[in-house]
Amino acid sequence: MPLTKDEFDSIYAKVTRLTVEVLIRTEDGVLLTRRGIEPCLGQWHLPGGTVLFGESLVDAVRRVARDELDVEVAVGEQLGVIEYPNLLASGYPGWPLGLVFDTRIVAGVPARTEQSEHIAYFRTLPHDVMHDQAVFITGLGLATPART
């Protein structure tokens, strides 16, 4: 059962929040969504979400892909970890730790949900990608940094 906003804020202001990040890449680039909810409303990001109590990491990745993109994914290897110091510095009351998983779509076509305003694939990142994710994506050589 999801936490209320007050419960979420109370808990995750005190402990690290484990999240999964869904990395989908094709010949068109890395899939990002423009956030339709806080935090980081309006910024591009990798779809991701909190791992629920008792949920396996693979199940969390599949759930996030369904909830945020309306697709089914095959979950591949874990590509790394994203820490979010810039999110914390911006006033977000928590410290997410994101485990990034390589995935591929096996059913469906990415579609907008209440959590995303737009969906697009990028080879060159836009300027308004969540900073900590942009560092990770470009560090793996999956996309080039935003053009200046």
C-alpha atoms as a PDB file:
ATOM      1  CA  MET A   1       0.000   0.000   0.000  1.00  0.00           C
ATOM      2  CA  PRO A   2       1.442   3.412  -0.937  1.00  0.00           C
ATOM      3  CA  LEU A   3       2.414   5.851   1.785  1.00  0.00           C
ATOM      4  CA  THR A   4       0.554   9.104   2.290  1.00  0.00           C
ATOM      5  CA  LYS A   5       2.551  12.236   1.424  1.00  0.00           C
ATOM      6  CA  ASP A   6       3.059  12.975   5.141  1.00  0.00           C
ATOM      7  CA  GLU A   7       4.285   9.421   5.820  1.00  0.00           C
ATOM      8  CA  PHE A   8       6.562   9.530   2.772  1.00  0.00           C
ATOM      9  CA  ASP A   9       8.073  12.894   3.767  1.00  0.00           C
ATOM     10  CA  SER A  10       8.489  11.854   7.403  1.00  0.00           C
ATOM     11  CA  ILE A  11      10.241   8.572   6.594  1.00  0.00           C
ATOM     12  CA  TYR A  12      12.391   9.616   3.648  1.00  0.00           C
ATOM     13  CA  ALA A  13      13.610  12.799   5.333  1.00  0.00           C
ATOM     14  CA  LYS A  14      15.427  10.441   7.722  1.00  0.00           C
ATOM     15  CA  VAL A  15      16.552   7.447   5.647  1.00  0.00           C
ATOM     16  CA  THR A  16      17.787   6.765   2.131  1.00  0.00           C
ATOM     17  CA  ARG A  17      15.032   5.881  -0.342  1.00  0.00           C
ATOM     18  CA  LEU A  18      15.875   2.959  -2.637  1.00  0.00           C
ATOM     19  CA  THR A  19      14.659   3.520  -6.189  1.00  0.00           C
ATOM     20  CA  VAL A  20      14.987   1.801  -9.543  1.00  0.00           C
ATOM     21  CA  GLU A  21      15.611   3.665 -12.795  1.00  0.00           C
ATOM     22  CA  VAL A  22      14.346   2.172 -16.076  1.00  0.00           C
ATOM     23  CA  LEU A  23      16.860   2.711 -18.872  1.00  0.00           C
ATOM     24  CA  ILE A  24      15.451   1.958 -22.324  1.00  0.00           C
ATOM     25  CA  ARG A  25      17.685   2.586 -25.310  1.00  0.00           C
ATOM     26  CA  THR A  26      17.175   2.011 -29.002  1.00  0.00           C
ATOM     27  CA  GLU A  27      18.847   3.222 -32.185  1.00  0.00           C
ATOM     28  CA  ASP A  28      16.892   6.462 -31.562  1.00  0.00           C
ATOM     29  CA  GLY A  29      18.677   7.038 -28.239  1.00  0.00           C
ATOM     30  CA  VAL A  30      17.799   6.899 -24.536  1.00  0.00           C
ATOM     31  CA  LEU A  31      14.131   7.156 -23.560  1.00  0.00           C
ATOM     32  CA  LEU A  32      13.344  10.024 -21.189  1.00  0.00           C
ATOM     33  CA  THR A  33      10.074  11.400 -19.909  1.00  0.00           C
ATOM     34  CA  ARG A  34       9.301  14.981 -18.931  1.00  0.00           C
ATOM     35  CA  ARG A  35       8.120  14.838 -15.331  1.00  0.00           C
ATOM     36  CA  GLY A  36       4.479  15.702 -14.791  1.00  0.00           C
ATOM     37  CA  ILE A  37       4.763  15.547 -10.985  1.00  0.00           C
ATOM     38  CA  GLU A  38       7.137  16.753  -8.273  1.00  0.00           C
ATOM     39  CA  PRO A  39       9.984  16.493  -7.600  1.00  0.00           C
ATOM     40  CA  CYS A  40      11.625  18.059 -10.635  1.00  0.00           C
ATOM     41  CA  LEU A  41       8.353  18.920 -12.339  1.00  0.00           C
ATOM     42  CA  GLY A  42       8.973  19.695 -16.011  1.00  0.00           C
ATOM     43  CA  GLN A  43      12.459  18.176 -16.182  1.00  0.00           C
ATOM     44  CA  TRP A  44      13.428  15.252 -18.403  1.00  0.00           C
ATOM     45  CA  HIS A  45      14.404  12.085 -16.545  1.00  0.00           C
ATOM     46  CA  LEU A  46      14.731   8.322 -16.648  1.00  0.00           C
ATOM     47  CA  PRO A  47      11.481   6.720 -15.513  1.00  0.00           C
ATOM     48  CA  GLY A  48      11.962   5.525 -11.965  1.00  0.00           C
ATOM     49  CA  GLY A  49      10.344   4.923  -8.645  1.00  0.00           C
ATOM     50  CA  THR A  50      10.594   3.690  -5.097  1.00  0.00           C
ATOM     51  CA  VAL A  51      11.134  -0.002  -4.414  1.00  0.00           C
ATOM     52  CA  LEU A  52       8.203  -1.108  -2.284  1.00  0.00           C
ATOM     53  CA  PHE A  53       8.680  -3.137   0.889  1.00  0.00           C
ATOM     54  CA  GLY A  54       9.027  -6.830  -0.007  1.00  0.00           C
ATOM     55  CA  GLU A  55       9.264  -6.125  -3.750  1.00  0.00           C
ATOM     56  CA  SER A  56      12.143  -7.583  -5.750  1.00  0.00           C
ATOM     57  CA  LEU A  57      14.221  -5.169  -7.801  1.00  0.00           C
ATOM     58  CA  VAL A  58      13.149  -6.828 -11.062  1.00  0.00           C
ATOM     59  CA  ASP A  59       9.483  -6.586 -10.069  1.00  0.00           C
ATOM     60  CA  ALA A  60       9.989  -2.917  -9.159  1.00  0.00           C
ATOM     61  CA  VAL A  61      11.509  -2.189 -12.585  1.00  0.00           C
ATOM     62  CA  ARG A  62       8.597  -3.914 -14.328  1.00  0.00           C
ATOM     63  CA  ARG A  63       6.036  -2.036 -12.184  1.00  0.00           C
ATOM     64  CA  VAL A  64       7.658   1.332 -12.830  1.00  0.00           C
ATOM     65  CA  ALA A  65       7.749   0.662 -16.595  1.00  0.00           C
ATOM     66  CA  ARG A  66       4.023  -0.202 -16.515  1.00  0.00           C
ATOM     67  CA  ASP A  67       3.084   2.759 -14.288  1.00  0.00           C
ATOM     68  CA  GLU A  68       5.163   5.421 -16.026  1.00  0.00           C
ATOM     69  CA  LEU A  69       5.235   4.212 -19.643  1.00  0.00           C
ATOM     70  CA  ASP A  70       2.415   1.674 -19.993  1.00  0.00           C
ATOM     71  CA  VAL A  71       4.840  -0.944 -21.379  1.00  0.00           C
ATOM     72  CA  GLU A  72       6.124  -4.363 -20.384  1.00  0.00           C
ATOM     73  CA  VAL A  73       9.905  -4.681 -20.231  1.00  0.00           C
ATOM     74  CA  ALA A  74      12.506  -7.411 -20.076  1.00  0.00           C
ATOM     75  CA  VAL A  75      14.951  -6.499 -17.334  1.00  0.00           C
ATOM     76  CA  GLY A  76      18.648  -6.816 -18.112  1.00  0.00           C
ATOM     77  CA  GLU A  77      21.726  -6.071 -16.093  1.00  0.00           C
ATOM     78  CA  GLN A  78      22.132  -3.403 -13.459  1.00  0.00           C
ATOM     79  CA  LEU A  79      24.193  -0.648 -15.088  1.00  0.00           C
ATOM     80  CA  GLY A  80      25.095   1.285 -11.976  1.00  0.00           C
ATOM     81  CA  VAL A  81      23.875   3.557  -9.212  1.00  0.00           C
ATOM     82  CA  ILE A  82      22.774   7.173  -9.278  1.00  0.00           C
ATOM     83  CA  GLU A  83      23.077   9.253  -6.132  1.00  0.00           C
ATOM     84  CA  TYR A  84      21.158  12.540  -6.090  1.00  0.00           C
ATOM     85  CA  PRO A  85      23.163  15.277  -4.328  1.00  0.00           C
ATOM     86  CA  ASN A  86      21.715  17.963  -6.611  1.00  0.00           C
ATOM     87  CA  LEU A  87      18.179  16.893  -5.755  1.00  0.00           C
ATOM     88  CA  LEU A  88      18.968  17.166  -2.047  1.00  0.00           C
ATOM     89  CA  ALA A  89      20.662  20.558  -2.583  1.00  0.00           C
ATOM     90  CA  SER A  90      17.556  21.830  -4.374  1.00  0.00           C
ATOM     91  CA  GLY A  91      15.479  21.361  -1.226  1.00  0.00           C
ATOM     92  CA  TYR A  92      14.023  17.888  -1.836  1.00  0.00           C
ATOM     93  CA  PRO A  93      13.484  16.392   1.636  1.00  0.00           C
ATOM     94  CA  GLY A  94      15.187  13.074   0.997  1.00  0.00           C
ATOM     95  CA  TRP A  95      18.079  11.152  -0.476  1.00  0.00           C
ATOM     96  CA  PRO A  96      17.108   8.711  -3.234  1.00  0.00           C
ATOM     97  CA  LEU A  97      19.593   6.063  -4.306  1.00  0.00           C
ATOM     98  CA  GLY A  98      18.730   4.838  -7.812  1.00  0.00           C
ATOM     99  CA  LEU A  99      19.734   1.441  -9.160  1.00  0.00           C
ATOM    100  CA  VAL A 100      19.756   1.743 -12.960  1.00  0.00           C
ATOM    101  CA  PHE A 101      18.631  -1.284 -14.971  1.00  0.00           C
ATOM    102  CA  ASP A 102      19.063  -1.862 -18.681  1.00  0.00           C
ATOM    103  CA  THR A 103      15.681  -2.848 -20.129  1.00  0.00           C
ATOM    104  CA  ARG A 104      14.000  -3.439 -23.451  1.00  0.00           C
ATOM    105  CA  ILE A 105      10.353  -3.126 -24.335  1.00  0.00           C
ATOM    106  CA  VAL A 106       8.663  -6.474 -24.997  1.00  0.00           C
ATOM    107  CA  ALA A 107       5.035  -5.306 -25.205  1.00  0.00           C
ATOM    108  CA  GLY A 108       3.337  -1.994 -25.769  1.00  0.00           C
ATOM    109  CA  VAL A 109       4.386   1.426 -26.990  1.00  0.00           C
ATOM    110  CA  PRO A 110       5.547   4.069 -24.502  1.00  0.00           C
ATOM    111  CA  ALA A 111       2.592   6.270 -23.613  1.00  0.00           C
ATOM    112  CA  ARG A 112       2.117   9.316 -21.416  1.00  0.00           C
ATOM    113  CA  THR A 113       0.753   8.778 -17.926  1.00  0.00           C
ATOM    114  CA  GLU A 114      -0.164  11.162 -15.115  1.00  0.00           C
ATOM    115  CA  GLN A 115       3.533  11.112 -14.170  1.00  0.00           C
ATOM    116  CA  SER A 116       4.871  12.200 -17.560  1.00  0.00           C
ATOM    117  CA  GLU A 117       4.004  15.119 -19.827  1.00  0.00           C
ATOM    118  CA  HIS A 118       6.113  13.951 -22.790  1.00  0.00           C
ATOM    119  CA  ILE A 119       8.162  10.941 -23.880  1.00  0.00           C
ATOM    120  CA  ALA A 120      11.095  11.102 -26.298  1.00  0.00           C
ATOM    121  CA  TYR A 121      14.328   9.362 -27.258  1.00  0.00           C
ATOM    122  CA  PHE A 122      17.569  11.356 -27.113  1.00  0.00           C
ATOM    123  CA  ARG A 123      21.072  10.905 -28.506  1.00  0.00           C
ATOM    124  CA  THR A 124      21.969  14.404 -27.331  1.00  0.00           C
ATOM    125  CA  LEU A 125      20.468  15.262 -23.969  1.00  0.00           C
ATOM    126  CA  PRO A 126      18.283  18.345 -23.625  1.00  0.00           C
ATOM    127  CA  HIS A 127      19.393  21.091 -21.216  1.00  0.00           C
ATOM    128  CA  ASP A 128      16.696  20.320 -18.672  1.00  0.00           C
ATOM    129  CA  VAL A 129      17.532  16.719 -17.767  1.00  0.00           C
ATOM    130  CA  MET A 130      17.817  15.962 -14.055  1.00  0.00           C
ATOM    131  CA  HIS A 131      21.481  16.802 -13.508  1.00  0.00           C
ATOM    132  CA  ASP A 132      22.531  13.661 -11.627  1.00  0.00           C
ATOM    133  CA  GLN A 133      20.925  11.445 -14.281  1.00  0.00           C
ATOM    134  CA  ALA A 134      22.555  13.411 -17.117  1.00  0.00           C
ATOM    135  CA  VAL A 135      25.959  12.837 -15.524  1.00  0.00           C
ATOM    136  CA  PHE A 136      25.245   9.098 -15.320  1.00  0.00           C
ATOM    137  CA  ILE A 137      23.897   8.770 -18.881  1.00  0.00           C
ATOM    138  CA  THR A 138      26.757  10.705 -20.468  1.00  0.00           C
ATOM    139  CA  GLY A 139      29.292   8.908 -18.265  1.00  0.00           C
ATOM    140  CA  LEU A 140      28.191   5.602 -19.792  1.00  0.00           C
ATOM    141  CA  GLY A 141      28.474   7.108 -23.261  1.00  0.00           C
ATOM    142  CA  LEU A 142      24.772   6.507 -23.975  1.00  0.00           C
ATOM    143  CA  ALA A 143      24.131  10.101 -25.066  1.00  0.00           C
ATOM    144  CA  THR A 144      26.094  13.279 -25.509  1.00  0.00           C
ATOM    145  CA  PRO A 145      25.701  16.227 -23.151  1.00  0.00           C
ATOM    146  CA  ALA A 146      23.319  19.055 -23.961  1.00  0.00           C
ATOM    147  CA  ARG A 147      24.597  21.392 -26.641  1.00  0.00           C
ATOM    148  CA  THR A 148      25.480  24.869 -25.489  1.00  0.00           C
END
